[in-house]
């Protein structure tokens, strides 16, 4: 399985970005997907996850600002990020987790920079 993330960039505080992550390879239908981020000097943290059935789990810091969605037909997950803050600056990583085994795949990451 390969995960290709795109959509990062530089945006001013209060702005919006949309990240996309396309999965390719041996894709099974029952997988969770999600986004993590890692800021300089900090550990990687969960931003949001979405199950194959659409159940979501958001970090408190992004609730009400970020929205995850997935298109199972395209094996793609999206992250709409609104009202961005400088503290959202990080490398964002796409994640796919096998529901049956818990095995995880990671994308290379895409940089999101929010200027104040």
PDB file of N, CA and C in Angstrom:
ATOM      1  N   UNK A   1       0.844  -1.180   0.000  1.00  0.00           N
ATOM      2  CA  UNK A   1       0.000   0.000   0.000  1.00  0.00           C
ATOM      3  C   UNK A   1       0.887   1.240   0.000  1.00  0.00           C
ATOM      4  N   UNK A   2       0.560   2.167  -0.887  1.00  0.00           N
ATOM      5  CA  UNK A   2       1.268   3.451  -0.917  1.00  0.00           C
ATOM      6  C   UNK A   2       0.249   4.569  -0.662  1.00  0.00           C
ATOM      7  N   UNK A   3       0.689   5.547   0.093  1.00  0.00           N
ATOM      8  CA  UNK A   3      -0.158   6.690   0.412  1.00  0.00           C
ATOM      9  C   UNK A   3       0.509   7.951  -0.125  1.00  0.00           C
ATOM     10  N   UNK A   4      -0.212   8.695  -0.942  1.00  0.00           N
ATOM     11  CA  UNK A   4       0.315   9.915  -1.530  1.00  0.00           C
ATOM     12  C   UNK A   4      -0.505  11.095  -1.044  1.00  0.00           C
ATOM     13  N   UNK A   5       0.118  11.929  -0.240  1.00  0.00           N
ATOM     14  CA  UNK A   5      -0.561  13.102   0.296  1.00  0.00           C
ATOM     15  C   UNK A   5      -0.223  14.329  -0.528  1.00  0.00           C
ATOM     16  N   UNK A   6      -1.164  15.238  -0.601  1.00  0.00           N
ATOM     17  CA  UNK A   6      -0.938  16.488  -1.317  1.00  0.00           C
ATOM     18  C   UNK A   6      -1.814  17.573  -0.719  1.00  0.00           C
ATOM     19  N   UNK A   7      -1.512  18.822  -1.077  1.00  0.00           N
ATOM     20  CA  UNK A   7      -2.364  19.926  -0.664  1.00  0.00           C
ATOM     21  C   UNK A   7      -1.789  20.826   0.407  1.00  0.00           C
ATOM     22  N   UNK A   8      -0.616  20.501   0.919  1.00  0.00           N
ATOM     23  CA  UNK A   8      -0.025  21.365   1.927  1.00  0.00           C
ATOM     24  C   UNK A   8       0.464  22.668   1.318  1.00  0.00           C
ATOM     25  N   UNK A   9       0.885  23.571   2.176  1.00  0.00           N
ATOM     26  CA  UNK A   9       1.389  24.847   1.698  1.00  0.00           C
ATOM     27  C   UNK A   9       1.466  25.869   2.789  1.00  0.00           C
ATOM     28  N   UNK A  10       1.629  27.107   2.356  1.00  0.00           N
ATOM     29  CA  UNK A  10       1.739  28.246   3.273  1.00  0.00           C
ATOM     30  C   UNK A  10       0.442  29.043   3.211  1.00  0.00           C
ATOM     31  N   UNK A  11      -0.106  29.346   4.367  1.00  0.00           N
ATOM     32  CA  UNK A  11      -1.354  30.100   4.411  1.00  0.00           C
ATOM     33  C   UNK A  11      -1.317  31.031   5.621  1.00  0.00           C
ATOM     34  N   UNK A  12      -2.019  32.120   5.534  1.00  0.00           N
ATOM     35  CA  UNK A  12      -2.106  33.036   6.667  1.00  0.00           C
ATOM     36  C   UNK A  12      -3.104  32.523   7.704  1.00  0.00           C
ATOM     37  N   UNK A  13      -2.917  32.944   8.926  1.00  0.00           N
ATOM     38  CA  UNK A  13      -3.851  32.573   9.987  1.00  0.00           C
ATOM     39  C   UNK A  13      -5.273  32.965   9.596  1.00  0.00           C
ATOM     40  N   UNK A  14      -6.186  32.059   9.858  1.00  0.00           N
ATOM     41  CA  UNK A  14      -7.577  32.268   9.473  1.00  0.00           C
ATOM     42  C   UNK A  14      -7.925  31.691   8.118  1.00  0.00           C
ATOM     43  N   UNK A  15      -6.911  31.284   7.375  1.00  0.00           N
ATOM     44  CA  UNK A  15      -7.132  30.747   6.046  1.00  0.00           C
ATOM     45  C   UNK A  15      -7.479  29.271   6.065  1.00  0.00           C
ATOM     46  N   UNK A  16      -7.574  28.707   4.873  1.00  0.00           N
ATOM     47  CA  UNK A  16      -7.988  27.315   4.719  1.00  0.00           C
ATOM     48  C   UNK A  16      -7.044  26.563   3.779  1.00  0.00           C
ATOM     49  N   UNK A  17      -6.962  25.283   4.003  1.00  0.00           N
ATOM     50  CA  UNK A  17      -6.261  24.371   3.109  1.00  0.00           C
ATOM     51  C   UNK A  17      -7.028  23.062   3.065  1.00  0.00           C
ATOM     52  N   UNK A  18      -6.855  22.342   1.966  1.00  0.00           N
ATOM     53  CA  UNK A  18      -7.467  21.020   1.844  1.00  0.00           C
ATOM     54  C   UNK A  18      -6.391  20.017   1.485  1.00  0.00           C
ATOM     55  N   UNK A  19      -6.225  19.041   2.330  1.00  0.00           N
ATOM     56  CA  UNK A  19      -5.271  17.971   2.080  1.00  0.00           C
ATOM     57  C   UNK A  19      -5.990  16.772   1.476  1.00  0.00           C
ATOM     58  N   UNK A  20      -5.284  16.075   0.621  1.00  0.00           N
ATOM     59  CA  UNK A  20      -5.806  14.842   0.034  1.00  0.00           C
ATOM     60  C   UNK A  20      -4.795  13.731   0.240  1.00  0.00           C
ATOM     61  N   UNK A  21      -5.284  12.524   0.367  1.00  0.00           N
ATOM     62  CA  UNK A  21      -4.403  11.364   0.487  1.00  0.00           C
ATOM     63  C   UNK A  21      -5.007  10.228  -0.313  1.00  0.00           C
ATOM     64  N   UNK A  22      -4.291   9.820  -1.331  1.00  0.00           N
ATOM     65  CA  UNK A  22      -4.760   8.729  -2.177  1.00  0.00           C
ATOM     66  C   UNK A  22      -3.984   7.464  -1.851  1.00  0.00           C
ATOM     67  N   UNK A  23      -4.701   6.389  -1.619  1.00  0.00           N
ATOM     68  CA  UNK A  23      -4.085   5.101  -1.339  1.00  0.00           C
ATOM     69  C   UNK A  23      -4.087   4.253  -2.601  1.00  0.00           C
ATOM     70  N   UNK A  24      -2.990   3.565  -2.826  1.00  0.00           N
ATOM     71  CA  UNK A  24      -2.889   2.679  -3.982  1.00  0.00           C
ATOM     72  C   UNK A  24      -2.214   1.384  -3.550  1.00  0.00           C
ATOM     73  N   UNK A  25      -2.330   0.387  -4.413  1.00  0.00           N
ATOM     74  CA  UNK A  25      -1.749  -0.899  -4.085  1.00  0.00           C
ATOM     75  C   UNK A  25      -2.817  -1.884  -3.665  1.00  0.00           C
ATOM     76  N   UNK A  26      -2.465  -2.766  -2.754  1.00  0.00           N
ATOM     77  CA  UNK A  26      -3.369  -3.813  -2.322  1.00  0.00           C
ATOM     78  C   UNK A  26      -4.309  -3.271  -1.251  1.00  0.00           C
ATOM     79  N   UNK A  27      -5.354  -2.624  -1.721  1.00  0.00           N
ATOM     80  CA  UNK A  27      -6.288  -1.980  -0.825  1.00  0.00           C
ATOM     81  C   UNK A  27      -7.409  -2.944  -0.474  1.00  0.00           C
ATOM     82  N   UNK A  28      -7.623  -3.134   0.794  1.00  0.00           N
ATOM     83  CA  UNK A  28      -8.776  -3.895   1.242  1.00  0.00           C
ATOM     84  C   UNK A  28      -9.841  -2.914   1.679  1.00  0.00           C
ATOM     85  N   UNK A  29     -11.032  -3.357   1.765  1.00  0.00           N
ATOM     86  CA  UNK A  29     -12.127  -2.427   1.991  1.00  0.00           C
ATOM     87  C   UNK A  29     -12.237  -1.975   3.442  1.00  0.00           C
ATOM     88  N   UNK A  30     -11.806  -2.806   4.365  1.00  0.00           N
ATOM     89  CA  UNK A  30     -12.029  -2.462   5.764  1.00  0.00           C
ATOM     90  C   UNK A  30     -10.752  -1.886   6.347  1.00  0.00           C
ATOM     91  N   UNK A  31     -10.655  -0.582   6.264  1.00  0.00           N
ATOM     92  CA  UNK A  31      -9.495   0.116   6.788  1.00  0.00           C
ATOM     93  C   UNK A  31      -9.907   1.419   7.429  1.00  0.00           C
ATOM     94  N   UNK A  32      -9.200   1.786   8.460  1.00  0.00           N
ATOM     95  CA  UNK A  32      -9.340   3.137   8.974  1.00  0.00           C
ATOM     96  C   UNK A  32      -8.302   4.006   8.295  1.00  0.00           C
ATOM     97  N   UNK A  33      -8.640   5.259   8.132  1.00  0.00           N
ATOM     98  CA  UNK A  33      -7.678   6.211   7.578  1.00  0.00           C
ATOM     99  C   UNK A  33      -7.688   7.451   8.448  1.00  0.00           C
ATOM    100  N   UNK A  34      -6.653   8.232   8.295  1.00  0.00           N
ATOM    101  CA  UNK A  34      -6.617   9.422   9.127  1.00  0.00           C
ATOM    102  C   UNK A  34      -5.422  10.282   8.846  1.00  0.00           C
ATOM    103  N   UNK A  35      -5.316  11.341   9.618  1.00  0.00           N
ATOM    104  CA  UNK A  35      -4.230  12.301   9.515  1.00  0.00           C
ATOM    105  C   UNK A  35      -3.584  12.498  10.879  1.00  0.00           C
ATOM    106  N   UNK A  36      -2.264  12.509  10.858  1.00  0.00           N
ATOM    107  CA  UNK A  36      -1.469  12.844  12.022  1.00  0.00           C
ATOM    108  C   UNK A  36      -0.618  14.052  11.646  1.00  0.00           C
ATOM    109  N   UNK A  37      -0.064  14.693  12.655  1.00  0.00           N
ATOM    110  CA  UNK A  37       0.846  15.789  12.370  1.00  0.00           C
ATOM    111  C   UNK A  37       1.988  15.797  13.383  1.00  0.00           C
ATOM    112  N   UNK A  38       3.076  16.359  12.939  1.00  0.00           N
ATOM    113  CA  UNK A  38       4.240  16.474  13.805  1.00  0.00           C
ATOM    114  C   UNK A  38       4.857  17.842  13.623  1.00  0.00           C
ATOM    115  N   UNK A  39       4.858  18.609  14.688  1.00  0.00           N
ATOM    116  CA  UNK A  39       5.482  19.933  14.685  1.00  0.00           C
ATOM    117  C   UNK A  39       6.928  19.787  15.139  1.00  0.00           C
ATOM    118  N   UNK A  40       7.778  20.743  14.789  1.00  0.00           N
ATOM    119  CA  UNK A  40       9.191  20.670  15.193  1.00  0.00           C
ATOM    120  C   UNK A  40       9.327  20.529  16.702  1.00  0.00           C
ATOM    121  N   UNK A  41      10.115  19.538  17.111  1.00  0.00           N
ATOM    122  CA  UNK A  41      10.367  19.342  18.527  1.00  0.00           C
ATOM    123  C   UNK A  41       9.257  18.665  19.290  1.00  0.00           C
ATOM    124  N   UNK A  42       8.219  18.240  18.581  1.00  0.00           N
ATOM    125  CA  UNK A  42       7.089  17.588  19.238  1.00  0.00           C
ATOM    126  C   UNK A  42       6.867  16.193  18.679  1.00  0.00           C
ATOM    127  N   UNK A  43       6.124  15.402  19.423  1.00  0.00           N
ATOM    128  CA  UNK A  43       5.796  14.059  18.965  1.00  0.00           C
ATOM    129  C   UNK A  43       4.653  14.118  17.956  1.00  0.00           C
ATOM    130  N   UNK A  44       4.602  13.082  17.146  1.00  0.00           N
ATOM    131  CA  UNK A  44       3.502  12.976  16.191  1.00  0.00           C
ATOM    132  C   UNK A  44       2.194  12.768  16.966  1.00  0.00           C
ATOM    133  N   UNK A  45       1.163  13.469  16.508  1.00  0.00           N
ATOM    134  CA  UNK A  45      -0.114  13.379  17.202  1.00  0.00           C
ATOM    135  C   UNK A  45      -1.244  13.151  16.215  1.00  0.00           C
ATOM    136  N   UNK A  46      -2.289  12.508  16.701  1.00  0.00           N
ATOM    137  CA  UNK A  46      -3.469  12.295  15.879  1.00  0.00           C
ATOM    138  C   UNK A  46      -4.202  13.610  15.669  1.00  0.00           C
ATOM    139  N   UNK A  47      -4.560  13.869  14.430  1.00  0.00           N
ATOM    140  CA  UNK A  47      -5.417  15.009  14.109  1.00  0.00           C
ATOM    141  C   UNK A  47      -6.864  14.524  14.018  1.00  0.00           C
ATOM    142  N   UNK A  48      -7.072  13.532  13.197  1.00  0.00           N
ATOM    143  CA  UNK A  48      -8.412  12.969  13.034  1.00  0.00           C
ATOM    144  C   UNK A  48      -8.307  11.628  12.341  1.00  0.00           C
ATOM    145  N   UNK A  49      -9.199  10.728  12.687  1.00  0.00           N
ATOM    146  CA  UNK A  49      -9.280   9.453  12.001  1.00  0.00           C
ATOM    147  C   UNK A  49     -10.720   9.204  11.559  1.00  0.00           C
ATOM    148  N   UNK A  50     -10.860   8.335  10.577  1.00  0.00           N
ATOM    149  CA  UNK A  50     -12.185   7.975  10.084  1.00  0.00           C
ATOM    150  C   UNK A  50     -12.206   6.495   9.772  1.00  0.00           C
ATOM    151  N   UNK A  51     -13.196   5.804  10.278  1.00  0.00           N
ATOM    152  CA  UNK A  51     -13.298   4.368  10.036  1.00  0.00           C
ATOM    153  C   UNK A  51     -13.902   4.119   8.663  1.00  0.00           C
ATOM    154  N   UNK A  52     -13.888   2.879   8.251  1.00  0.00           N
ATOM    155  CA  UNK A  52     -14.471   2.536   6.960  1.00  0.00           C
ATOM    156  C   UNK A  52     -15.965   2.848   6.943  1.00  0.00           C
ATOM    157  N   UNK A  53     -16.561   2.827   8.109  1.00  0.00           N
ATOM    158  CA  UNK A  53     -17.985   3.137   8.199  1.00  0.00           C
ATOM    159  C   UNK A  53     -18.292   4.608   8.383  1.00  0.00           C
ATOM    160  N   UNK A  54     -17.236   5.424   8.449  1.00  0.00           N
ATOM    161  CA  UNK A  54     -17.437   6.866   8.544  1.00  0.00           C
ATOM    162  C   UNK A  54     -17.399   7.433   9.943  1.00  0.00           C
ATOM    163  N   UNK A  55     -17.112   6.600  10.918  1.00  0.00           N
ATOM    164  CA  UNK A  55     -17.016   7.113  12.293  1.00  0.00           C
ATOM    165  C   UNK A  55     -15.718   7.909  12.434  1.00  0.00           C
ATOM    166  N   UNK A  56     -15.827   9.119  13.014  1.00  0.00           N
ATOM    167  CA  UNK A  56     -14.669  10.003  13.108  1.00  0.00           C
ATOM    168  C   UNK A  56     -14.230  10.215  14.543  1.00  0.00           C
ATOM    169  N   UNK A  57     -12.960  10.564  14.677  1.00  0.00           N
ATOM    170  CA  UNK A  57     -12.374  10.875  15.983  1.00  0.00           C
ATOM    171  C   UNK A  57     -11.431  12.047  15.796  1.00  0.00           C
ATOM    172  N   UNK A  58     -11.815  13.210  16.297  1.00  0.00           N
ATOM    173  CA  UNK A  58     -11.038  14.426  16.132  1.00  0.00           C
ATOM    174  C   UNK A  58     -10.264  14.764  17.401  1.00  0.00           C
ATOM    175  N   UNK A  59      -9.072  15.298  17.218  1.00  0.00           N
ATOM    176  CA  UNK A  59      -8.367  15.890  18.339  1.00  0.00           C
ATOM    177  C   UNK A  59      -9.140  17.123  18.796  1.00  0.00           C
ATOM    178  N   UNK A  60      -9.139  17.367  20.095  1.00  0.00           N
ATOM    179  CA  UNK A  60      -9.880  18.514  20.625  1.00  0.00           C
ATOM    180  C   UNK A  60      -9.420  19.823  19.986  1.00  0.00           C
ATOM    181  N   UNK A  61      -8.149  19.904  19.670  1.00  0.00           N
ATOM    182  CA  UNK A  61      -7.584  21.153  19.158  1.00  0.00           C
ATOM    183  C   UNK A  61      -8.099  21.523  17.766  1.00  0.00           C
ATOM    184  N   UNK A  62      -8.691  20.572  17.064  1.00  0.00           N
ATOM    185  CA  UNK A  62      -9.145  20.863  15.694  1.00  0.00           C
ATOM    186  C   UNK A  62     -10.657  20.730  15.530  1.00  0.00           C
ATOM    187  N   UNK A  63     -11.332  20.325  16.575  1.00  0.00           N
ATOM    188  CA  UNK A  63     -12.787  20.170  16.480  1.00  0.00           C
ATOM    189  C   UNK A  63     -13.445  21.484  16.088  1.00  0.00           C
ATOM    190  N   UNK A  64     -14.364  21.408  15.151  1.00  0.00           N
ATOM    191  CA  UNK A  64     -15.060  22.587  14.682  1.00  0.00           C
ATOM    192  C   UNK A  64     -14.330  23.354  13.597  1.00  0.00           C
ATOM    193  N   UNK A  65     -13.071  23.004  13.359  1.00  0.00           N
ATOM    194  CA  UNK A  65     -12.285  23.706  12.320  1.00  0.00           C
ATOM    195  C   UNK A  65     -11.898  22.780  11.179  1.00  0.00           C
ATOM    196  N   UNK A  66     -11.614  21.545  11.492  1.00  0.00           N
ATOM    197  CA  UNK A  66     -11.176  20.572  10.487  1.00  0.00           C
ATOM    198  C   UNK A  66     -12.293  19.564  10.232  1.00  0.00           C
ATOM    199  N   UNK A  67     -12.361  19.105   8.994  1.00  0.00           N
ATOM    200  CA  UNK A  67     -13.347  18.092   8.627  1.00  0.00           C
ATOM    201  C   UNK A  67     -12.694  17.033   7.761  1.00  0.00           C
ATOM    202  N   UNK A  68     -12.842  15.793   8.157  1.00  0.00           N
ATOM    203  CA  UNK A  68     -12.311  14.689   7.371  1.00  0.00           C
ATOM    204  C   UNK A  68     -13.443  14.041   6.584  1.00  0.00           C
ATOM    205  N   UNK A  69     -13.113  13.581   5.410  1.00  0.00           N
ATOM    206  CA  UNK A  69     -14.077  12.828   4.612  1.00  0.00           C
ATOM    207  C   UNK A  69     -13.303  11.791   3.805  1.00  0.00           C
ATOM    208  N   UNK A  70     -14.005  10.799   3.330  1.00  0.00           N
ATOM    209  CA  UNK A  70     -13.327   9.769   2.542  1.00  0.00           C
ATOM    210  C   UNK A  70     -14.215   9.337   1.388  1.00  0.00           C
ATOM    211  N   UNK A  71     -13.564   8.998   0.298  1.00  0.00           N
ATOM    212  CA  UNK A  71     -14.229   8.466  -0.878  1.00  0.00           C
ATOM    213  C   UNK A  71     -13.697   7.054  -1.059  1.00  0.00           C
ATOM    214  N   UNK A  72     -14.458   6.081  -0.635  1.00  0.00           N
ATOM    215  CA  UNK A  72     -13.985   4.708  -0.679  1.00  0.00           C
ATOM    216  C   UNK A  72     -13.785   4.216  -2.109  1.00  0.00           C
ATOM    217  N   UNK A  73     -14.588   4.734  -3.021  1.00  0.00           N
ATOM    218  CA  UNK A  73     -14.447   4.312  -4.417  1.00  0.00           C
ATOM    219  C   UNK A  73     -13.106   4.751  -4.991  1.00  0.00           C
ATOM    220  N   UNK A  74     -12.595   5.873  -4.488  1.00  0.00           N
ATOM    221  CA  UNK A  74     -11.320   6.399  -4.974  1.00  0.00           C
ATOM    222  C   UNK A  74     -10.174   6.102  -4.002  1.00  0.00           C
ATOM    223  N   UNK A  75     -10.474   5.415  -2.908  1.00  0.00           N
ATOM    224  CA  UNK A  75      -9.451   5.133  -1.887  1.00  0.00           C
ATOM    225  C   UNK A  75      -8.741   6.411  -1.465  1.00  0.00           C
ATOM    226  N   UNK A  76      -9.500   7.445  -1.264  1.00  0.00           N
ATOM    227  CA  UNK A  76      -8.940   8.753  -0.963  1.00  0.00           C
ATOM    228  C   UNK A  76      -9.608   9.336   0.280  1.00  0.00           C
ATOM    229  N   UNK A  77      -8.800   9.980   1.103  1.00  0.00           N
ATOM    230  CA  UNK A  77      -9.309  10.685   2.258  1.00  0.00           C
ATOM    231  C   UNK A  77      -8.908  12.150   2.143  1.00  0.00           C
ATOM    232  N   UNK A  78      -9.784  13.015   2.593  1.00  0.00           N
ATOM    233  CA  UNK A  78      -9.569  14.457   2.493  1.00  0.00           C
ATOM    234  C   UNK A  78      -9.598  15.081   3.888  1.00  0.00           C
ATOM    235  N   UNK A  79      -8.863  16.164   4.031  1.00  0.00           N
ATOM    236  CA  UNK A  79      -8.903  16.926   5.275  1.00  0.00           C
ATOM    237  C   UNK A  79      -9.089  18.393   4.920  1.00  0.00           C
ATOM    238  N   UNK A  80     -10.270  18.895   5.197  1.00  0.00           N
ATOM    239  CA  UNK A  80     -10.546  20.310   5.015  1.00  0.00           C
ATOM    240  C   UNK A  80     -10.199  21.034   6.298  1.00  0.00           C
ATOM    241  N   UNK A  81      -9.279  21.980   6.192  1.00  0.00           N
ATOM    242  CA  UNK A  81      -8.798  22.704   7.371  1.00  0.00           C
ATOM    243  C   UNK A  81      -9.176  24.170   7.226  1.00  0.00           C
ATOM    244  N   UNK A  82     -10.032  24.627   8.117  1.00  0.00           N
ATOM    245  CA  UNK A  82     -10.470  26.023   8.118  1.00  0.00           C
ATOM    246  C   UNK A  82      -9.998  26.723   9.382  1.00  0.00           C
ATOM    247  N   UNK A  83     -10.051  28.031   9.357  1.00  0.00           N
ATOM    248  CA  UNK A  83      -9.659  28.833  10.524  1.00  0.00           C
ATOM    249  C   UNK A  83      -8.301  28.383  11.058  1.00  0.00           C
ATOM    250  N   UNK A  84      -7.363  28.255  10.169  1.00  0.00           N
ATOM    251  CA  UNK A  84      -6.049  27.749  10.561  1.00  0.00           C
ATOM    252  C   UNK A  84      -5.336  28.714  11.496  1.00  0.00           C
ATOM    253  N   UNK A  85      -4.579  28.118  12.397  1.00  0.00           N
ATOM    254  CA  UNK A  85      -3.834  28.874  13.402  1.00  0.00           C
ATOM    255  C   UNK A  85      -2.344  28.569  13.252  1.00  0.00           C
ATOM    256  N   UNK A  86      -1.488  29.468  13.704  1.00  0.00           N
ATOM    257  CA  UNK A  86      -0.044  29.185  13.635  1.00  0.00           C
ATOM    258  C   UNK A  86       0.331  27.865  14.320  1.00  0.00           C
ATOM    259  N   UNK A  87      -0.387  27.500  15.349  1.00  0.00           N
ATOM    260  CA  UNK A  87      -0.070  26.246  16.041  1.00  0.00           C
ATOM    261  C   UNK A  87      -0.482  25.012  15.248  1.00  0.00           C
ATOM    262  N   UNK A  88      -1.135  25.192  14.135  1.00  0.00           N
ATOM    263  CA  UNK A  88      -1.425  24.069  13.235  1.00  0.00           C
ATOM    264  C   UNK A  88      -0.237  23.758  12.321  1.00  0.00           C
ATOM    265  N   UNK A  89       0.765  24.601  12.374  1.00  0.00           N
ATOM    266  CA  UNK A  89       1.951  24.379  11.546  1.00  0.00           C
ATOM    267  C   UNK A  89       2.616  23.064  11.915  1.00  0.00           C
ATOM    268  N   UNK A  90       2.803  22.213  10.924  1.00  0.00           N
ATOM    269  CA  UNK A  90       3.367  20.886  11.150  1.00  0.00           C
ATOM    270  C   UNK A  90       3.494  20.158   9.817  1.00  0.00           C
ATOM    271  N   UNK A  91       4.168  19.033   9.872  1.00  0.00           N
ATOM    272  CA  UNK A  91       4.109  18.102   8.747  1.00  0.00           C
ATOM    273  C   UNK A  91       2.932  17.175   9.002  1.00  0.00           C
ATOM    274  N   UNK A  92       2.058  17.080   8.029  1.00  0.00           N
ATOM    275  CA  UNK A  92       0.860  16.270   8.156  1.00  0.00           C
ATOM    276  C   UNK A  92       1.069  14.942   7.416  1.00  0.00           C
ATOM    277  N   UNK A  93       0.759  13.872   8.111  1.00  0.00           N
ATOM    278  CA  UNK A  93       0.971  12.535   7.575  1.00  0.00           C
ATOM    279  C   UNK A  93      -0.366  11.806   7.422  1.00  0.00           C
ATOM    280  N   UNK A  94      -0.527  11.194   6.291  1.00  0.00           N
ATOM    281  CA  UNK A  94      -1.681  10.346   6.050  1.00  0.00           C
ATOM    282  C   UNK A  94      -1.405   8.950   6.618  1.00  0.00           C
ATOM    283  N   UNK A  95      -2.426   8.341   7.143  1.00  0.00           N
ATOM    284  CA  UNK A  95      -2.292   7.039   7.787  1.00  0.00           C
ATOM    285  C   UNK A  95      -3.413   6.117   7.337  1.00  0.00           C
ATOM    286  N   UNK A  96      -3.063   4.865   7.095  1.00  0.00           N
ATOM    287  CA  UNK A  96      -4.065   3.832   6.823  1.00  0.00           C
ATOM    288  C   UNK A  96      -3.808   2.696   7.792  1.00  0.00           C
ATOM    289  N   UNK A  97      -4.843   2.259   8.469  1.00  0.00           N
ATOM    290  CA  UNK A  97      -4.714   1.197   9.462  1.00  0.00           C
ATOM    291  C   UNK A  97      -5.637   0.044   9.115  1.00  0.00           C
ATOM    292  N   UNK A  98      -5.059  -1.135   8.975  1.00  0.00           N
ATOM    293  CA  UNK A  98      -5.861  -2.323   8.701  1.00  0.00           C
ATOM    294  C   UNK A  98      -6.749  -2.631   9.907  1.00  0.00           C
ATOM    295  N   UNK A  99      -8.022  -2.713   9.660  1.00  0.00           N
ATOM    296  CA  UNK A  99      -8.955  -2.980  10.762  1.00  0.00           C
ATOM    297  C   UNK A  99      -8.738  -4.377  11.341  1.00  0.00           C
ATOM    298  N   UNK A 100      -8.360  -5.335  10.482  1.00  0.00           N
ATOM    299  CA  UNK A 100      -8.238  -6.723  10.940  1.00  0.00           C
ATOM    300  C   UNK A 100      -6.962  -6.962  11.749  1.00  0.00           C
ATOM    301  N   UNK A 101      -5.863  -6.315  11.351  1.00  0.00           N
ATOM    302  CA  UNK A 101      -4.565  -6.614  11.960  1.00  0.00           C
ATOM    303  C   UNK A 101      -3.982  -5.457  12.759  1.00  0.00           C
ATOM    304  N   UNK A 102      -4.487  -4.249  12.508  1.00  0.00           N
ATOM    305  CA  UNK A 102      -3.907  -3.082  13.156  1.00  0.00           C
ATOM    306  C   UNK A 102      -2.650  -2.578  12.491  1.00  0.00           C
ATOM    307  N   UNK A 103      -2.215  -3.237  11.429  1.00  0.00           N
ATOM    308  CA  UNK A 103      -0.993  -2.794  10.753  1.00  0.00           C
ATOM    309  C   UNK A 103      -1.243  -1.431  10.143  1.00  0.00           C
ATOM    310  N   UNK A 104      -0.217  -0.551  10.208  1.00  0.00           N
ATOM    311  CA  UNK A 104      -0.366   0.820   9.736  1.00  0.00           C
ATOM    312  C   UNK A 104       0.597   1.133   8.598  1.00  0.00           C
ATOM    313  N   UNK A 105       0.108   1.922   7.674  1.00  0.00           N
ATOM    314  CA  UNK A 105       0.904   2.466   6.581  1.00  0.00           C
ATOM    315  C   UNK A 105       0.930   3.988   6.731  1.00  0.00           C
ATOM    316  N   UNK A 106       2.047   4.576   6.299  1.00  0.00           N
ATOM    317  CA  UNK A 106       2.213   6.016   6.420  1.00  0.00           C
ATOM    318  C   UNK A 106       2.606   6.625   5.091  1.00  0.00           C
ATOM    319  N   UNK A 107       2.064   7.803   4.812  1.00  0.00           N
ATOM    320  CA  UNK A 107       2.520   8.586   3.686  1.00  0.00           C
ATOM    321  C   UNK A 107       3.758   9.375   4.085  1.00  0.00           C
ATOM    322  N   UNK A 108       4.356  10.052   3.114  1.00  0.00           N
ATOM    323  CA  UNK A 108       5.603  10.778   3.349  1.00  0.00           C
ATOM    324  C   UNK A 108       5.392  12.079   4.096  1.00  0.00           C
ATOM    325  N   UNK A 109       4.221  12.598   4.092  1.00  0.00           N
ATOM    326  CA  UNK A 109       3.961  13.840   4.795  1.00  0.00           C
ATOM    327  C   UNK A 109       3.929  15.038   3.873  1.00  0.00           C
ATOM    328  N   UNK A 110       3.138  16.000   4.265  1.00  0.00           N
ATOM    329  CA  UNK A 110       3.058  17.257   3.530  1.00  0.00           C
ATOM    330  C   UNK A 110       3.107  18.403   4.524  1.00  0.00           C
ATOM    331  N   UNK A 111       3.893  19.413   4.196  1.00  0.00           N
ATOM    332  CA  UNK A 111       4.119  20.531   5.118  1.00  0.00           C
ATOM    333  C   UNK A 111       2.954  21.511   5.067  1.00  0.00           C
ATOM    334  N   UNK A 112       2.463  21.869   6.241  1.00  0.00           N
ATOM    335  CA  UNK A 112       1.473  22.935   6.385  1.00  0.00           C
ATOM    336  C   UNK A 112       2.087  24.009   7.271  1.00  0.00           C
ATOM    337  N   UNK A 113       2.153  25.220   6.754  1.00  0.00           N
ATOM    338  CA  UNK A 113       2.710  26.337   7.498  1.00  0.00           C
ATOM    339  C   UNK A 113       1.677  27.446   7.569  1.00  0.00           C
ATOM    340  N   UNK A 114       1.368  27.860   8.778  1.00  0.00           N
ATOM    341  CA  UNK A 114       0.386  28.927   8.994  1.00  0.00           C
ATOM    342  C   UNK A 114       1.110  30.121   9.590  1.00  0.00           C
ATOM    343  N   UNK A 115       1.091  31.222   8.878  1.00  0.00           N
ATOM    344  CA  UNK A 115       1.779  32.419   9.338  1.00  0.00           C
ATOM    345  C   UNK A 115       0.819  33.303  10.126  1.00  0.00           C
ATOM    346  N   UNK A 116       1.367  34.000  11.098  1.00  0.00           N
ATOM    347  CA  UNK A 116       0.530  34.877  11.940  1.00  0.00           C
ATOM    348  C   UNK A 116       0.414  36.267  11.356  1.00  0.00           C
TER     349      UNK A 116
END
